[in-house]
């Protein structure tokens, strides 16, 4: 029986349905991988090297890396860029540093993807920032089909590339997002140090400090407030200070305070208090004042780098009272 043949999209004679089936398999595979397919994958679904070259010449496929192609029409994205980079760099490559954090929604993508490969890898990939390091299995993860470093390890790696303010934003985003606990970040830092003194680790430890002072994840503003107080050189306050009446009744839990000096700070979030809650707050603060406490309200404006209102106020309250 004679098989019917036709001119295939590649320009070669052959069974039309076979080529279409291979293209369909390639498209379905690429759809699961951010619009990308590698040369070995394209060959595995039934396309020949000549057919692959024809698709790149005619613009149906675009070369985006070494033996990595993007199917025409697949939208460009940070995830696609990261996957293309690791596919080009070889089997040991991981998206890392700020690039890995951006993939999980923390911070912004860097201008070029950051990759980490094994120290002995021969990866030479253009348009990426390449790092060489042995990453333990426990510090490896993935975002979908993209191999990455874990958020904790990504923070450790980023600590040597960003300033204190940027690192604090990344740390707070990871912890408040439930992506890593402070102790896990310190664990990743210890594992990353082939020898003591790795650049960035002391800064990371300093930025993590407020997270070990009792504030629970989920309140980034309070953590940033603690960090500002530390930067200004004030003694560390106590979190959730319980104030009791003379009869021993707990009348308030203050966000942050210095009990020895009876100075407290309450952080006001975005949501305004209802009239009922406002009346309750006023009564509570009157009881605190009767016990000798001074309570100051703090909001997002006090966390701005240019704001000095809170610093100047605390200088007068804490040190005047200590005199």
C-alpha atoms as a PDB file:
ATOM      1  CA  UNK A   1       0.000   0.000   0.000  1.00  0.00           C
ATOM      2  CA  UNK A   2       1.422   3.402  -1.006  1.00  0.00           C
ATOM      3  CA  UNK A   3       1.492   6.100   1.697  1.00  0.00           C
ATOM      4  CA  UNK A   4       0.199   9.519   0.703  1.00  0.00           C
ATOM      5  CA  UNK A   5       2.859  12.189   0.918  1.00  0.00           C
ATOM      6  CA  UNK A   6       2.854  15.976   0.783  1.00  0.00           C
ATOM      7  CA  UNK A   7       5.225  18.872   1.193  1.00  0.00           C
ATOM      8  CA  UNK A   8       5.686  19.309   4.935  1.00  0.00           C
ATOM      9  CA  UNK A   9       6.151  22.707   6.651  1.00  0.00           C
ATOM     10  CA  UNK A  10       9.891  22.052   6.591  1.00  0.00           C
ATOM     11  CA  UNK A  11       9.954  21.965   2.815  1.00  0.00           C
ATOM     12  CA  UNK A  12      10.803  18.243   2.691  1.00  0.00           C
ATOM     13  CA  UNK A  13       8.645  15.503   1.239  1.00  0.00           C
ATOM     14  CA  UNK A  14       7.222  13.175   3.864  1.00  0.00           C
ATOM     15  CA  UNK A  15       4.056  12.060   5.612  1.00  0.00           C
ATOM     16  CA  UNK A  16       2.093  15.239   6.452  1.00  0.00           C
ATOM     17  CA  UNK A  17       0.422  13.792   9.518  1.00  0.00           C
ATOM     18  CA  UNK A  18       3.770  12.676  10.998  1.00  0.00           C
ATOM     19  CA  UNK A  19       5.217  16.190  10.870  1.00  0.00           C
ATOM     20  CA  UNK A  20       2.071  17.749  12.234  1.00  0.00           C
ATOM     21  CA  UNK A  21       2.047  15.256  15.082  1.00  0.00           C
ATOM     22  CA  UNK A  22       5.669  16.081  15.927  1.00  0.00           C
ATOM     23  CA  UNK A  23       4.888  19.808  15.862  1.00  0.00           C
ATOM     24  CA  UNK A  24       1.913  19.209  18.114  1.00  0.00           C
ATOM     25  CA  UNK A  25       4.025  17.272  20.594  1.00  0.00           C
ATOM     26  CA  UNK A  26       6.649  20.030  20.538  1.00  0.00           C
ATOM     27  CA  UNK A  27       4.008  22.710  21.134  1.00  0.00           C
ATOM     28  CA  UNK A  28       2.444  20.795  24.034  1.00  0.00           C
ATOM     29  CA  UNK A  29       5.838  20.267  25.634  1.00  0.00           C
ATOM     30  CA  UNK A  30       6.785  23.935  25.228  1.00  0.00           C
ATOM     31  CA  UNK A  31       3.434  25.034  26.687  1.00  0.00           C
ATOM     32  CA  UNK A  32       4.398  23.325  29.957  1.00  0.00           C
ATOM     33  CA  UNK A  33       7.838  24.949  29.945  1.00  0.00           C
ATOM     34  CA  UNK A  34       7.144  28.657  29.464  1.00  0.00           C
ATOM     35  CA  UNK A  35       7.155  28.343  25.666  1.00  0.00           C
ATOM     36  CA  UNK A  36      10.618  26.733  25.484  1.00  0.00           C
ATOM     37  CA  UNK A  37      11.971  23.527  24.001  1.00  0.00           C
ATOM     38  CA  UNK A  38      15.548  22.224  23.777  1.00  0.00           C
ATOM     39  CA  UNK A  39      17.243  20.548  20.829  1.00  0.00           C
ATOM     40  CA  UNK A  40      17.233  17.075  22.463  1.00  0.00           C
ATOM     41  CA  UNK A  41      13.533  17.470  23.301  1.00  0.00           C
ATOM     42  CA  UNK A  42      12.697  18.534  19.733  1.00  0.00           C
ATOM     43  CA  UNK A  43      14.524  15.501  18.349  1.00  0.00           C
ATOM     44  CA  UNK A  44      12.770  13.255  20.866  1.00  0.00           C
ATOM     45  CA  UNK A  45       9.291  14.331  19.701  1.00  0.00           C
ATOM     46  CA  UNK A  46      10.153  13.386  16.132  1.00  0.00           C
ATOM     47  CA  UNK A  47      11.580  16.452  14.396  1.00  0.00           C
ATOM     48  CA  UNK A  48      14.824  16.283  12.444  1.00  0.00           C
ATOM     49  CA  UNK A  49      17.705  18.747  12.655  1.00  0.00           C
ATOM     50  CA  UNK A  50      16.808  20.032   9.154  1.00  0.00           C
ATOM     51  CA  UNK A  51      13.204  20.645  10.247  1.00  0.00           C
ATOM     52  CA  UNK A  52      14.380  22.444  13.392  1.00  0.00           C
ATOM     53  CA  UNK A  53      16.709  24.671  11.365  1.00  0.00           C
ATOM     54  CA  UNK A  54      13.865  25.465   8.956  1.00  0.00           C
ATOM     55  CA  UNK A  55      11.686  26.595  11.869  1.00  0.00           C
ATOM     56  CA  UNK A  56      14.381  28.968  13.121  1.00  0.00           C
ATOM     57  CA  UNK A  57      15.039  30.356   9.623  1.00  0.00           C
ATOM     58  CA  UNK A  58      11.357  31.082   9.040  1.00  0.00           C
ATOM     59  CA  UNK A  59      10.786  32.613  12.489  1.00  0.00           C
ATOM     60  CA  UNK A  60       8.494  29.882  13.783  1.00  0.00           C
ATOM     61  CA  UNK A  61      11.061  29.179  16.473  1.00  0.00           C
ATOM     62  CA  UNK A  62      13.492  31.660  18.024  1.00  0.00           C
ATOM     63  CA  UNK A  63      16.922  30.728  19.376  1.00  0.00           C
ATOM     64  CA  UNK A  64      17.102  32.009  22.974  1.00  0.00           C
ATOM     65  CA  UNK A  65      20.091  30.038  24.235  1.00  0.00           C
ATOM     66  CA  UNK A  66      22.512  27.278  23.415  1.00  0.00           C
ATOM     67  CA  UNK A  67      20.265  24.588  21.845  1.00  0.00           C
ATOM     68  CA  UNK A  68      17.192  26.292  23.415  1.00  0.00           C
ATOM     69  CA  UNK A  69      14.270  27.598  21.351  1.00  0.00           C
ATOM     70  CA  UNK A  70      11.139  29.626  22.024  1.00  0.00           C
ATOM     71  CA  UNK A  71       8.003  28.807  20.074  1.00  0.00           C
ATOM     72  CA  UNK A  72       6.774  31.892  18.170  1.00  0.00           C
ATOM     73  CA  UNK A  73       3.927  33.581  20.013  1.00  0.00           C
ATOM     74  CA  UNK A  74       4.967  32.405  23.488  1.00  0.00           C
ATOM     75  CA  UNK A  75       4.966  35.538  25.676  1.00  0.00           C
ATOM     76  CA  UNK A  76       8.294  36.568  27.175  1.00  0.00           C
ATOM     77  CA  UNK A  77       8.463  36.486  30.994  1.00  0.00           C
ATOM     78  CA  UNK A  78      10.905  36.431  33.872  1.00  0.00           C
ATOM     79  CA  UNK A  79      10.199  32.720  34.321  1.00  0.00           C
ATOM     80  CA  UNK A  80      10.934  32.048  30.662  1.00  0.00           C
ATOM     81  CA  UNK A  81      14.179  34.018  30.841  1.00  0.00           C
ATOM     82  CA  UNK A  82      15.300  32.097  33.916  1.00  0.00           C
ATOM     83  CA  UNK A  83      14.477  28.698  32.438  1.00  0.00           C
ATOM     84  CA  UNK A  84      16.237  29.548  29.158  1.00  0.00           C
ATOM     85  CA  UNK A  85      19.335  30.539  31.117  1.00  0.00           C
ATOM     86  CA  UNK A  86      19.565  27.310  33.133  1.00  0.00           C
ATOM     87  CA  UNK A  87      18.841  25.138  30.096  1.00  0.00           C
ATOM     88  CA  UNK A  88      21.689  26.870  28.258  1.00  0.00           C
ATOM     89  CA  UNK A  89      24.126  26.640  31.166  1.00  0.00           C
ATOM     90  CA  UNK A  90      23.913  22.912  31.763  1.00  0.00           C
ATOM     91  CA  UNK A  91      22.685  20.396  34.347  1.00  0.00           C
ATOM     92  CA  UNK A  92      24.260  21.995  37.435  1.00  0.00           C
ATOM     93  CA  UNK A  93      22.758  25.458  36.838  1.00  0.00           C
ATOM     94  CA  UNK A  94      20.323  27.046  39.276  1.00  0.00           C
ATOM     95  CA  UNK A  95      18.589  30.416  39.102  1.00  0.00           C
ATOM     96  CA  UNK A  96      19.919  32.185  42.197  1.00  0.00           C
ATOM     97  CA  UNK A  97      20.399  35.474  44.071  1.00  0.00           C
ATOM     98  CA  UNK A  98      17.768  38.187  43.403  1.00  0.00           C
ATOM     99  CA  UNK A  99      16.608  36.340  40.272  1.00  0.00           C
ATOM    100  CA  UNK A 100      15.457  33.350  42.326  1.00  0.00           C
ATOM    101  CA  UNK A 101      13.692  35.625  44.820  1.00  0.00           C
ATOM    102  CA  UNK A 102      11.868  37.446  42.020  1.00  0.00           C
ATOM    103  CA  UNK A 103      10.516  34.101  40.772  1.00  0.00           C
ATOM    104  CA  UNK A 104       8.706  33.625  44.117  1.00  0.00           C
ATOM    105  CA  UNK A 105       7.419  37.202  44.206  1.00  0.00           C
ATOM    106  CA  UNK A 106      10.049  38.845  46.417  1.00  0.00           C
ATOM    107  CA  UNK A 107      11.821  41.915  45.070  1.00  0.00           C
ATOM    108  CA  UNK A 108      12.328  42.820  41.433  1.00  0.00           C
ATOM    109  CA  UNK A 109      14.123  40.863  38.700  1.00  0.00           C
ATOM    110  CA  UNK A 110      17.697  41.912  38.001  1.00  0.00           C
ATOM    111  CA  UNK A 111      18.702  43.259  34.599  1.00  0.00           C
ATOM    112  CA  UNK A 112      20.236  39.881  33.721  1.00  0.00           C
ATOM    113  CA  UNK A 113      19.440  36.503  35.327  1.00  0.00           C
ATOM    114  CA  UNK A 114      21.779  35.355  38.094  1.00  0.00           C
ATOM    115  CA  UNK A 115      22.844  31.708  37.797  1.00  0.00           C
ATOM    116  CA  UNK A 116      24.893  29.545  40.128  1.00  0.00           C
ATOM    117  CA  UNK A 117      26.740  26.548  38.688  1.00  0.00           C
ATOM    118  CA  UNK A 118      29.062  23.957  40.207  1.00  0.00           C
ATOM    119  CA  UNK A 119      32.656  25.160  40.749  1.00  0.00           C
ATOM    120  CA  UNK A 120      33.957  22.772  38.084  1.00  0.00           C
ATOM    121  CA  UNK A 121      31.212  23.431  35.510  1.00  0.00           C
ATOM    122  CA  UNK A 122      32.324  24.750  32.118  1.00  0.00           C
ATOM    123  CA  UNK A 123      29.198  26.851  31.571  1.00  0.00           C
ATOM    124  CA  UNK A 124      29.672  29.904  29.375  1.00  0.00           C
ATOM    125  CA  UNK A 125      26.305  31.521  28.936  1.00  0.00           C
ATOM    126  CA  UNK A 126      25.901  35.019  27.484  1.00  0.00           C
ATOM    127  CA  UNK A 127      23.526  37.590  28.977  1.00  0.00           C
ATOM    128  CA  UNK A 128      23.628  36.104  32.483  1.00  0.00           C
ATOM    129  CA  UNK A 129      25.525  36.863  35.702  1.00  0.00           C
ATOM    130  CA  UNK A 130      27.320  33.612  36.441  1.00  0.00           C
ATOM    131  CA  UNK A 131      28.411  32.492  39.916  1.00  0.00           C
ATOM    132  CA  UNK A 132      30.269  29.326  40.877  1.00  0.00           C
ATOM    133  CA  UNK A 133      29.518  27.638  44.170  1.00  0.00           C
ATOM    134  CA  UNK A 134      28.751  24.224  45.610  1.00  0.00           C
ATOM    135  CA  UNK A 135      25.091  24.408  46.665  1.00  0.00           C
ATOM    136  CA  UNK A 136      24.037  21.610  49.064  1.00  0.00           C
ATOM    137  CA  UNK A 137      20.945  19.617  48.154  1.00  0.00           C
ATOM    138  CA  UNK A 138      19.024  21.118  51.099  1.00  0.00           C
ATOM    139  CA  UNK A 139      19.525  24.601  49.600  1.00  0.00           C
ATOM    140  CA  UNK A 140      18.155  23.633  46.176  1.00  0.00           C
ATOM    141  CA  UNK A 141      14.547  24.088  45.133  1.00  0.00           C
ATOM    142  CA  UNK A 142      12.457  24.730  42.042  1.00  0.00           C
ATOM    143  CA  UNK A 143       9.742  27.084  40.869  1.00  0.00           C
ATOM    144  CA  UNK A 144       7.658  24.883  38.654  1.00  0.00           C
ATOM    145  CA  UNK A 145      10.106  23.429  36.136  1.00  0.00           C
ATOM    146  CA  UNK A 146      12.857  25.975  36.919  1.00  0.00           C
ATOM    147  CA  UNK A 147      15.727  24.787  39.164  1.00  0.00           C
ATOM    148  CA  UNK A 148      16.539  27.443  41.763  1.00  0.00           C
ATOM    149  CA  UNK A 149      18.224  28.027  45.074  1.00  0.00           C
ATOM    150  CA  UNK A 150      15.875  28.127  48.058  1.00  0.00           C
ATOM    151  CA  UNK A 151      14.657  31.551  49.261  1.00  0.00           C
ATOM    152  CA  UNK A 152      16.922  31.234  52.311  1.00  0.00           C
ATOM    153  CA  UNK A 153      20.023  30.532  50.226  1.00  0.00           C
ATOM    154  CA  UNK A 154      19.015  33.220  47.714  1.00  0.00           C
ATOM    155  CA  UNK A 155      19.041  35.771  50.549  1.00  0.00           C
ATOM    156  CA  UNK A 156      22.505  34.637  51.614  1.00  0.00           C
ATOM    157  CA  UNK A 157      23.807  35.033  48.072  1.00  0.00           C
ATOM    158  CA  UNK A 158      22.088  38.402  47.557  1.00  0.00           C
ATOM    159  CA  UNK A 159      23.542  39.833  50.779  1.00  0.00           C
ATOM    160  CA  UNK A 160      26.863  40.536  49.072  1.00  0.00           C
ATOM    161  CA  UNK A 161      25.263  42.373  46.139  1.00  0.00           C
ATOM    162  CA  UNK A 162      22.728  44.777  47.680  1.00  0.00           C
ATOM    163  CA  UNK A 163      22.787  47.512  50.300  1.00  0.00           C
ATOM    164  CA  UNK A 164      21.330  47.242  53.792  1.00  0.00           C
ATOM    165  CA  UNK A 165      17.961  48.773  52.904  1.00  0.00           C
ATOM    166  CA  UNK A 166      17.476  46.499  49.890  1.00  0.00           C
ATOM    167  CA  UNK A 167      18.502  43.446  51.883  1.00  0.00           C
ATOM    168  CA  UNK A 168      16.068  44.340  54.667  1.00  0.00           C
ATOM    169  CA  UNK A 169      13.240  44.556  52.126  1.00  0.00           C
ATOM    170  CA  UNK A 170      14.151  41.135  50.726  1.00  0.00           C
ATOM    171  CA  UNK A 171      14.471  39.540  54.172  1.00  0.00           C
ATOM    172  CA  UNK A 172      11.116  40.924  55.317  1.00  0.00           C
ATOM    173  CA  UNK A 173       9.460  39.783  52.076  1.00  0.00           C
ATOM    174  CA  UNK A 174      10.747  36.221  52.459  1.00  0.00           C
ATOM    175  CA  UNK A 175       9.840  35.879  56.145  1.00  0.00           C
ATOM    176  CA  UNK A 176       6.469  37.641  55.949  1.00  0.00           C
ATOM    177  CA  UNK A 177       5.618  35.580  52.864  1.00  0.00           C
ATOM    178  CA  UNK A 178       6.195  32.373  54.818  1.00  0.00           C
ATOM    179  CA  UNK A 179       9.008  31.328  52.459  1.00  0.00           C
ATOM    180  CA  UNK A 180      11.657  30.805  55.165  1.00  0.00           C
ATOM    181  CA  UNK A 181      12.055  31.226  58.904  1.00  0.00           C
ATOM    182  CA  UNK A 182      14.898  33.348  60.358  1.00  0.00           C
ATOM    183  CA  UNK A 183      16.620  30.249  61.744  1.00  0.00           C
ATOM    184  CA  UNK A 184      16.525  28.597  58.293  1.00  0.00           C
ATOM    185  CA  UNK A 185      18.186  31.658  56.750  1.00  0.00           C
ATOM    186  CA  UNK A 186      20.989  31.500  59.324  1.00  0.00           C
ATOM    187  CA  UNK A 187      21.331  27.770  58.587  1.00  0.00           C
ATOM    188  CA  UNK A 188      21.743  28.488  54.877  1.00  0.00           C
ATOM    189  CA  UNK A 189      24.358  31.128  55.750  1.00  0.00           C
ATOM    190  CA  UNK A 190      26.367  28.624  57.788  1.00  0.00           C
ATOM    191  CA  UNK A 191      26.261  26.030  55.002  1.00  0.00           C
ATOM    192  CA  UNK A 192      27.343  28.605  52.411  1.00  0.00           C
ATOM    193  CA  UNK A 193      30.562  29.451  54.203  1.00  0.00           C
ATOM    194  CA  UNK A 194      33.321  27.255  52.844  1.00  0.00           C
ATOM    195  CA  UNK A 195      35.496  29.380  55.079  1.00  0.00           C
ATOM    196  CA  UNK A 196      34.581  31.994  57.727  1.00  0.00           C
ATOM    197  CA  UNK A 197      34.072  35.568  56.630  1.00  0.00           C
ATOM    198  CA  UNK A 198      31.983  35.157  53.498  1.00  0.00           C
ATOM    199  CA  UNK A 199      31.084  38.603  52.220  1.00  0.00           C
ATOM    200  CA  UNK A 200      27.556  39.702  53.072  1.00  0.00           C
ATOM    201  CA  UNK A 201      26.914  37.263  55.926  1.00  0.00           C
ATOM    202  CA  UNK A 202      27.622  39.768  58.753  1.00  0.00           C
ATOM    203  CA  UNK A 203      25.216  42.232  57.111  1.00  0.00           C
ATOM    204  CA  UNK A 204      22.584  39.521  56.765  1.00  0.00           C
ATOM    205  CA  UNK A 205      22.910  38.574  60.435  1.00  0.00           C
ATOM    206  CA  UNK A 206      22.494  42.221  61.405  1.00  0.00           C
ATOM    207  CA  UNK A 207      19.392  42.651  59.230  1.00  0.00           C
ATOM    208  CA  UNK A 208      17.887  39.467  60.693  1.00  0.00           C
ATOM    209  CA  UNK A 209      18.377  40.752  64.250  1.00  0.00           C
ATOM    210  CA  UNK A 210      14.887  42.221  64.769  1.00  0.00           C
ATOM    211  CA  UNK A 211      13.272  38.897  63.813  1.00  0.00           C
ATOM    212  CA  UNK A 212      14.814  37.300  66.896  1.00  0.00           C
ATOM    213  CA  UNK A 213      13.358  39.884  69.272  1.00  0.00           C
ATOM    214  CA  UNK A 214       9.887  38.421  69.633  1.00  0.00           C
ATOM    215  CA  UNK A 215       7.900  39.910  66.751  1.00  0.00           C
ATOM    216  CA  UNK A 216       6.012  37.281  64.826  1.00  0.00           C
ATOM    217  CA  UNK A 217       6.142  37.027  61.019  1.00  0.00           C
ATOM    218  CA  UNK A 218       3.261  38.880  59.407  1.00  0.00           C
ATOM    219  CA  UNK A 219       4.123  42.295  60.811  1.00  0.00           C
ATOM    220  CA  UNK A 220       6.861  43.704  58.555  1.00  0.00           C
ATOM    221  CA  UNK A 221       6.210  47.289  59.647  1.00  0.00           C
ATOM    222  CA  UNK A 222       7.020  46.501  63.282  1.00  0.00           C
ATOM    223  CA  UNK A 223      10.185  44.724  62.205  1.00  0.00           C
ATOM    224  CA  UNK A 224      11.256  47.724  60.139  1.00  0.00           C
ATOM    225  CA  UNK A 225      10.557  49.936  63.133  1.00  0.00           C
ATOM    226  CA  UNK A 226      12.857  47.784  65.285  1.00  0.00           C
ATOM    227  CA  UNK A 227      15.493  48.044  62.588  1.00  0.00           C
ATOM    228  CA  UNK A 228      15.242  51.851  62.513  1.00  0.00           C
ATOM    229  CA  UNK A 229      15.620  52.002  66.292  1.00  0.00           C
ATOM    230  CA  UNK A 230      18.737  49.853  66.060  1.00  0.00           C
ATOM    231  CA  UNK A 231      20.175  52.039  63.284  1.00  0.00           C
ATOM    232  CA  UNK A 232      19.627  55.119  65.458  1.00  0.00           C
ATOM    233  CA  UNK A 233      21.511  53.495  68.334  1.00  0.00           C
ATOM    234  CA  UNK A 234      18.630  53.206  70.821  1.00  0.00           C
ATOM    235  CA  UNK A 235      18.593  50.302  73.286  1.00  0.00           C
ATOM    236  CA  UNK A 236      16.528  47.370  72.026  1.00  0.00           C
ATOM    237  CA  UNK A 237      12.907  47.649  73.193  1.00  0.00           C
ATOM    238  CA  UNK A 238      10.832  44.733  74.414  1.00  0.00           C
ATOM    239  CA  UNK A 239       8.044  43.475  72.169  1.00  0.00           C
ATOM    240  CA  UNK A 240       4.483  43.055  73.442  1.00  0.00           C
ATOM    241  CA  UNK A 241       5.100  44.646  76.837  1.00  0.00           C
ATOM    242  CA  UNK A 242       2.378  43.595  79.284  1.00  0.00           C
ATOM    243  CA  UNK A 243       1.463  46.431  81.634  1.00  0.00           C
ATOM    244  CA  UNK A 244      -0.368  45.552  84.843  1.00  0.00           C
ATOM    245  CA  UNK A 245      -2.395  47.681  87.181  1.00  0.00           C
ATOM    246  CA  UNK A 246      -1.547  47.983  90.871  1.00  0.00           C
ATOM    247  CA  UNK A 247      -3.958  45.097  91.462  1.00  0.00           C
ATOM    248  CA  UNK A 248      -2.061  42.887  89.001  1.00  0.00           C
ATOM    249  CA  UNK A 249      -4.594  43.126  86.169  1.00  0.00           C
ATOM    250  CA  UNK A 250      -3.142  43.225  82.644  1.00  0.00           C
ATOM    251  CA  UNK A 251      -4.489  46.452  81.173  1.00  0.00           C
ATOM    252  CA  UNK A 252      -2.449  46.619  77.954  1.00  0.00           C
ATOM    253  CA  UNK A 253       0.058  44.860  75.695  1.00  0.00           C
ATOM    254  CA  UNK A 254       2.177  47.575  74.094  1.00  0.00           C
ATOM    255  CA  UNK A 255       3.736  46.837  70.689  1.00  0.00           C
ATOM    256  CA  UNK A 256       7.229  47.956  71.716  1.00  0.00           C
ATOM    257  CA  UNK A 257       8.444  49.526  74.923  1.00  0.00           C
ATOM    258  CA  UNK A 258      11.126  50.283  77.457  1.00  0.00           C
ATOM    259  CA  UNK A 259       9.489  49.253  80.770  1.00  0.00           C
ATOM    260  CA  UNK A 260      12.268  50.720  82.919  1.00  0.00           C
ATOM    261  CA  UNK A 261      11.556  54.145  81.434  1.00  0.00           C
ATOM    262  CA  UNK A 262       7.824  53.630  80.887  1.00  0.00           C
ATOM    263  CA  UNK A 263       7.994  54.645  77.221  1.00  0.00           C
ATOM    264  CA  UNK A 264       5.993  52.669  74.673  1.00  0.00           C
ATOM    265  CA  UNK A 265       5.380  52.694  70.921  1.00  0.00           C
ATOM    266  CA  UNK A 266       2.192  51.591  69.188  1.00  0.00           C
ATOM    267  CA  UNK A 267       2.253  51.045  65.429  1.00  0.00           C
ATOM    268  CA  UNK A 268      -0.803  52.284  63.525  1.00  0.00           C
ATOM    269  CA  UNK A 269      -1.427  50.296  60.342  1.00  0.00           C
ATOM    270  CA  UNK A 270      -3.304  51.265  57.210  1.00  0.00           C
ATOM    271  CA  UNK A 271      -6.723  50.335  58.564  1.00  0.00           C
ATOM    272  CA  UNK A 272      -8.336  53.093  60.617  1.00  0.00           C
ATOM    273  CA  UNK A 273      -9.958  52.229  63.936  1.00  0.00           C
ATOM    274  CA  UNK A 274     -13.718  52.336  64.247  1.00  0.00           C
ATOM    275  CA  UNK A 275     -15.227  54.889  66.679  1.00  0.00           C
ATOM    276  CA  UNK A 276     -15.870  52.079  69.153  1.00  0.00           C
ATOM    277  CA  UNK A 277     -12.252  50.912  69.048  1.00  0.00           C
ATOM    278  CA  UNK A 278     -10.997  54.502  69.150  1.00  0.00           C
ATOM    279  CA  UNK A 279     -12.879  55.135  72.388  1.00  0.00           C
ATOM    280  CA  UNK A 280     -11.419  51.932  73.840  1.00  0.00           C
ATOM    281  CA  UNK A 281      -7.906  52.998  72.825  1.00  0.00           C
ATOM    282  CA  UNK A 282      -8.326  56.396  74.486  1.00  0.00           C
ATOM    283  CA  UNK A 283      -9.493  54.805  77.733  1.00  0.00           C
ATOM    284  CA  UNK A 284      -6.593  52.348  77.628  1.00  0.00           C
ATOM    285  CA  UNK A 285      -4.032  55.105  77.102  1.00  0.00           C
ATOM    286  CA  UNK A 286      -5.519  57.140  79.952  1.00  0.00           C
ATOM    287  CA  UNK A 287      -4.992  54.174  82.290  1.00  0.00           C
ATOM    288  CA  UNK A 288      -1.417  53.820  81.035  1.00  0.00           C
ATOM    289  CA  UNK A 289      -0.734  57.514  81.619  1.00  0.00           C
ATOM    290  CA  UNK A 290      -2.101  57.190  85.134  1.00  0.00           C
ATOM    291  CA  UNK A 291       0.567  54.534  85.735  1.00  0.00           C
ATOM    292  CA  UNK A 292       3.286  56.882  84.437  1.00  0.00           C
ATOM    293  CA  UNK A 293       3.584  55.518  80.883  1.00  0.00           C
ATOM    294  CA  UNK A 294       4.146  57.686  77.805  1.00  0.00           C
ATOM    295  CA  UNK A 295       2.717  56.051  74.665  1.00  0.00           C
ATOM    296  CA  UNK A 296       3.629  57.362  71.224  1.00  0.00           C
ATOM    297  CA  UNK A 297       1.877  56.450  67.991  1.00  0.00           C
ATOM    298  CA  UNK A 298       4.025  55.471  65.024  1.00  0.00           C
ATOM    299  CA  UNK A 299       2.957  55.053  61.397  1.00  0.00           C
ATOM    300  CA  UNK A 300       4.457  54.377  57.972  1.00  0.00           C
ATOM    301  CA  UNK A 301       5.682  57.975  57.645  1.00  0.00           C
ATOM    302  CA  UNK A 302       8.053  57.413  60.573  1.00  0.00           C
ATOM    303  CA  UNK A 303       9.698  54.560  58.658  1.00  0.00           C
ATOM    304  CA  UNK A 304      10.768  56.751  55.763  1.00  0.00           C
ATOM    305  CA  UNK A 305      14.558  57.230  55.600  1.00  0.00           C
ATOM    306  CA  UNK A 306      14.172  61.015  55.662  1.00  0.00           C
ATOM    307  CA  UNK A 307      11.916  61.123  58.736  1.00  0.00           C
ATOM    308  CA  UNK A 308      13.537  62.220  62.002  1.00  0.00           C
ATOM    309  CA  UNK A 309      10.423  62.965  64.089  1.00  0.00           C
ATOM    310  CA  UNK A 310      10.488  59.689  66.009  1.00  0.00           C
ATOM    311  CA  UNK A 311      14.252  59.720  66.532  1.00  0.00           C
ATOM    312  CA  UNK A 312      14.192  63.231  67.990  1.00  0.00           C
ATOM    313  CA  UNK A 313      11.199  62.427  70.179  1.00  0.00           C
ATOM    314  CA  UNK A 314      12.775  59.282  71.607  1.00  0.00           C
ATOM    315  CA  UNK A 315      16.021  61.118  72.291  1.00  0.00           C
ATOM    316  CA  UNK A 316      14.125  63.468  74.578  1.00  0.00           C
ATOM    317  CA  UNK A 317      11.926  60.795  76.157  1.00  0.00           C
ATOM    318  CA  UNK A 318      14.457  58.036  76.792  1.00  0.00           C
ATOM    319  CA  UNK A 319      17.543  60.005  77.681  1.00  0.00           C
ATOM    320  CA  UNK A 320      15.808  62.856  79.506  1.00  0.00           C
ATOM    321  CA  UNK A 321      14.029  60.306  81.684  1.00  0.00           C
ATOM    322  CA  UNK A 322      17.249  58.367  82.212  1.00  0.00           C
ATOM    323  CA  UNK A 323      19.068  61.498  83.385  1.00  0.00           C
END
